[in-house]
Amino acid sequence: MRTSSPIQVKEISGDHYPDLMTAQAKAVKNMAADFAAIIRRLQADGVLVNVNGRIIPNPERMQNSE
């Protein structure tokens, strides 16, 4: 399974982009890839499961924690 590097959050001054919408558009691609990697990792760890095409908390794991 492919793994990604840890997510790093870095504050960038507003001087790099002309406006908020441009800054957000630049961030979307990386954030989406990181979010997908987190979901895959949680599935691999058994925290989340795919049930009928929906990613949900693993019901078996939740029953065991009660």
N, C-alpha and C. Protein backbone atom coordinates (compact mmCIF):
# COMPACT_ATOMS: atom_id res chain seq x y z
N MET A 1 0.84 -1.18 0.00
CA MET A 1 0.00 0.00 0.00
C MET A 1 0.89 1.24 0.00
N ARG A 2 0.49 2.21 -0.76
CA ARG A 2 1.22 3.46 -0.86
C ARG A 2 1.00 4.28 0.41
N THR A 3 2.07 4.86 0.91
CA THR A 3 1.93 5.72 2.09
C THR A 3 2.34 7.13 1.71
N SER A 4 1.81 8.07 2.42
CA SER A 4 2.16 9.46 2.16
C SER A 4 2.93 10.01 3.35
N SER A 5 3.64 11.07 3.11
CA SER A 5 4.38 11.70 4.20
C SER A 5 3.40 12.39 5.15
N PRO A 6 3.83 12.63 6.38
CA PRO A 6 2.94 13.31 7.33
C PRO A 6 2.50 14.67 6.80
N ILE A 7 1.29 15.03 7.16
CA ILE A 7 0.76 16.32 6.73
C ILE A 7 1.49 17.41 7.50
N GLN A 8 1.94 18.40 6.78
CA GLN A 8 2.60 19.54 7.40
C GLN A 8 1.80 20.79 7.07
N VAL A 9 1.51 21.57 8.10
CA VAL A 9 0.77 22.80 7.91
C VAL A 9 1.76 23.95 8.03
N LYS A 10 1.74 24.81 7.04
CA LYS A 10 2.68 25.91 7.03
C LYS A 10 1.92 27.19 6.70
N GLU A 11 2.08 28.19 7.53
CA GLU A 11 1.42 29.46 7.28
C GLU A 11 2.22 30.21 6.22
N ILE A 12 1.52 30.70 5.22
CA ILE A 12 2.16 31.45 4.14
C ILE A 12 1.56 32.85 4.14
N SER A 13 2.41 33.82 4.04
CA SER A 13 1.92 35.20 4.06
C SER A 13 1.00 35.45 2.87
N GLY A 14 0.09 36.37 3.01
CA GLY A 14 -0.86 36.70 1.96
C GLY A 14 -0.22 37.33 0.74
N ASP A 15 1.04 37.66 0.83
CA ASP A 15 1.73 38.28 -0.30
C ASP A 15 1.96 37.31 -1.46
N HIS A 16 1.83 36.00 -1.20
CA HIS A 16 2.10 35.01 -2.24
C HIS A 16 0.95 34.87 -3.23
N TYR A 17 -0.27 35.25 -2.82
CA TYR A 17 -1.45 35.09 -3.67
C TYR A 17 -2.24 36.39 -3.70
N PRO A 18 -2.87 36.69 -4.81
CA PRO A 18 -3.57 37.97 -4.93
C PRO A 18 -4.86 38.06 -4.09
N ASP A 19 -5.48 36.88 -3.80
CA ASP A 19 -6.71 36.91 -3.02
C ASP A 19 -6.95 35.54 -2.40
N LEU A 20 -7.93 35.48 -1.50
CA LEU A 20 -8.25 34.25 -0.78
C LEU A 20 -8.68 33.14 -1.72
N MET A 21 -9.47 33.45 -2.72
CA MET A 21 -9.98 32.42 -3.63
C MET A 21 -8.82 31.74 -4.37
N THR A 22 -7.83 32.49 -4.78
CA THR A 22 -6.67 31.91 -5.46
C THR A 22 -5.89 31.02 -4.51
N ALA A 23 -5.70 31.48 -3.27
CA ALA A 23 -4.97 30.68 -2.28
C ALA A 23 -5.70 29.37 -2.00
N GLN A 24 -7.01 29.42 -1.85
CA GLN A 24 -7.79 28.21 -1.61
C GLN A 24 -7.74 27.26 -2.79
N ALA A 25 -7.80 27.78 -3.99
CA ALA A 25 -7.74 26.94 -5.19
C ALA A 25 -6.40 26.20 -5.26
N LYS A 26 -5.33 26.88 -4.89
CA LYS A 26 -4.00 26.25 -4.90
C LYS A 26 -3.91 25.14 -3.85
N ALA A 27 -4.61 25.30 -2.73
CA ALA A 27 -4.52 24.34 -1.63
C ALA A 27 -5.37 23.10 -1.84
N VAL A 28 -6.43 23.19 -2.63
CA VAL A 28 -7.40 22.09 -2.76
C VAL A 28 -6.76 20.79 -3.22
N LYS A 29 -5.92 20.83 -4.22
CA LYS A 29 -5.34 19.59 -4.76
C LYS A 29 -4.55 18.83 -3.70
N ASN A 30 -3.67 19.52 -2.99
CA ASN A 30 -2.87 18.85 -1.96
C ASN A 30 -3.73 18.37 -0.81
N MET A 31 -4.70 19.17 -0.40
CA MET A 31 -5.56 18.78 0.71
C MET A 31 -6.39 17.55 0.35
N ALA A 32 -6.88 17.49 -0.86
CA ALA A 32 -7.68 16.34 -1.29
C ALA A 32 -6.84 15.07 -1.28
N ALA A 33 -5.62 15.14 -1.75
CA ALA A 33 -4.74 13.97 -1.76
C ALA A 33 -4.41 13.53 -0.33
N ASP A 34 -4.14 14.48 0.54
CA ASP A 34 -3.85 14.15 1.93
C ASP A 34 -5.07 13.54 2.62
N PHE A 35 -6.24 14.10 2.36
CA PHE A 35 -7.47 13.58 2.96
C PHE A 35 -7.73 12.15 2.49
N ALA A 36 -7.54 11.89 1.22
CA ALA A 36 -7.73 10.54 0.68
C ALA A 36 -6.75 9.56 1.33
N ALA A 37 -5.51 10.00 1.56
CA ALA A 37 -4.52 9.14 2.20
C ALA A 37 -4.92 8.82 3.64
N ILE A 38 -5.48 9.80 4.34
CA ILE A 38 -5.93 9.57 5.71
C ILE A 38 -7.06 8.54 5.73
N ILE A 39 -8.01 8.68 4.81
CA ILE A 39 -9.13 7.73 4.74
C ILE A 39 -8.62 6.32 4.44
N ARG A 40 -7.69 6.19 3.50
CA ARG A 40 -7.12 4.87 3.16
C ARG A 40 -6.41 4.26 4.37
N ARG A 41 -5.66 5.09 5.09
CA ARG A 41 -4.93 4.59 6.26
C ARG A 41 -5.91 4.12 7.35
N LEU A 42 -6.98 4.88 7.57
CA LEU A 42 -7.97 4.48 8.57
C LEU A 42 -8.68 3.20 8.16
N GLN A 43 -8.89 3.01 6.86
CA GLN A 43 -9.47 1.75 6.38
C GLN A 43 -8.48 0.60 6.60
N ALA A 44 -7.22 0.82 6.29
CA ALA A 44 -6.21 -0.23 6.47
C ALA A 44 -6.07 -0.61 7.95
N ASP A 45 -6.27 0.36 8.84
CA ASP A 45 -6.18 0.10 10.28
C ASP A 45 -7.47 -0.48 10.85
N GLY A 46 -8.51 -0.58 10.03
CA GLY A 46 -9.77 -1.14 10.47
C GLY A 46 -10.67 -0.16 11.22
N VAL A 47 -10.31 1.11 11.23
CA VAL A 47 -11.13 2.12 11.91
C VAL A 47 -12.36 2.44 11.07
N LEU A 48 -12.18 2.51 9.75
CA LEU A 48 -13.27 2.77 8.82
C LEU A 48 -13.45 1.56 7.90
N VAL A 49 -14.68 1.36 7.43
CA VAL A 49 -14.96 0.27 6.48
C VAL A 49 -15.85 0.80 5.36
N ASN A 50 -15.81 0.11 4.24
CA ASN A 50 -16.64 0.45 3.09
C ASN A 50 -17.86 -0.48 3.12
N VAL A 51 -19.04 0.10 3.30
CA VAL A 51 -20.28 -0.67 3.31
C VAL A 51 -21.18 -0.11 2.21
N ASN A 52 -21.40 -0.92 1.18
CA ASN A 52 -22.24 -0.50 0.05
C ASN A 52 -21.79 0.83 -0.55
N GLY A 53 -20.48 1.00 -0.67
CA GLY A 53 -19.96 2.21 -1.30
C GLY A 53 -19.85 3.41 -0.38
N ARG A 54 -20.17 3.23 0.89
CA ARG A 54 -20.07 4.33 1.85
C ARG A 54 -18.97 4.01 2.86
N ILE A 55 -18.13 4.99 3.16
CA ILE A 55 -17.09 4.82 4.17
C ILE A 55 -17.70 5.21 5.51
N ILE A 56 -17.72 4.26 6.44
CA ILE A 56 -18.32 4.51 7.75
C ILE A 56 -17.39 3.99 8.85
N PRO A 57 -17.61 4.43 10.11
CA PRO A 57 -16.84 3.85 11.22
C PRO A 57 -17.13 2.35 11.29
N ASN A 58 -16.12 1.59 11.59
CA ASN A 58 -16.25 0.15 11.67
C ASN A 58 -17.17 -0.22 12.83
N PRO A 59 -18.37 -0.78 12.55
CA PRO A 59 -19.31 -1.11 13.62
C PRO A 59 -18.74 -2.14 14.61
N GLU A 60 -17.95 -3.08 14.12
CA GLU A 60 -17.37 -4.09 14.99
C GLU A 60 -16.39 -3.47 15.97
N ARG A 61 -15.64 -2.53 15.50
CA ARG A 61 -14.66 -1.86 16.36
C ARG A 61 -15.38 -1.00 17.41
N MET A 62 -16.48 -0.37 17.01
CA MET A 62 -17.23 0.46 17.96
C MET A 62 -17.86 -0.40 19.05
N GLN A 63 -18.35 -1.60 18.72
CA GLN A 63 -18.96 -2.50 19.71
C GLN A 63 -17.92 -2.97 20.72
N ASN A 64 -16.71 -3.20 20.24
CA ASN A 64 -15.64 -3.68 21.12
C ASN A 64 -15.16 -2.60 22.10
N SER A 65 -15.34 -1.35 21.74
CA SER A 65 -14.84 -0.27 22.60
C SER A 65 -15.83 0.11 23.70
N GLU A 66 -17.06 -0.39 23.62
CA GLU A 66 -18.07 -0.04 24.62
C GLU A 66 -17.95 -0.86 25.86
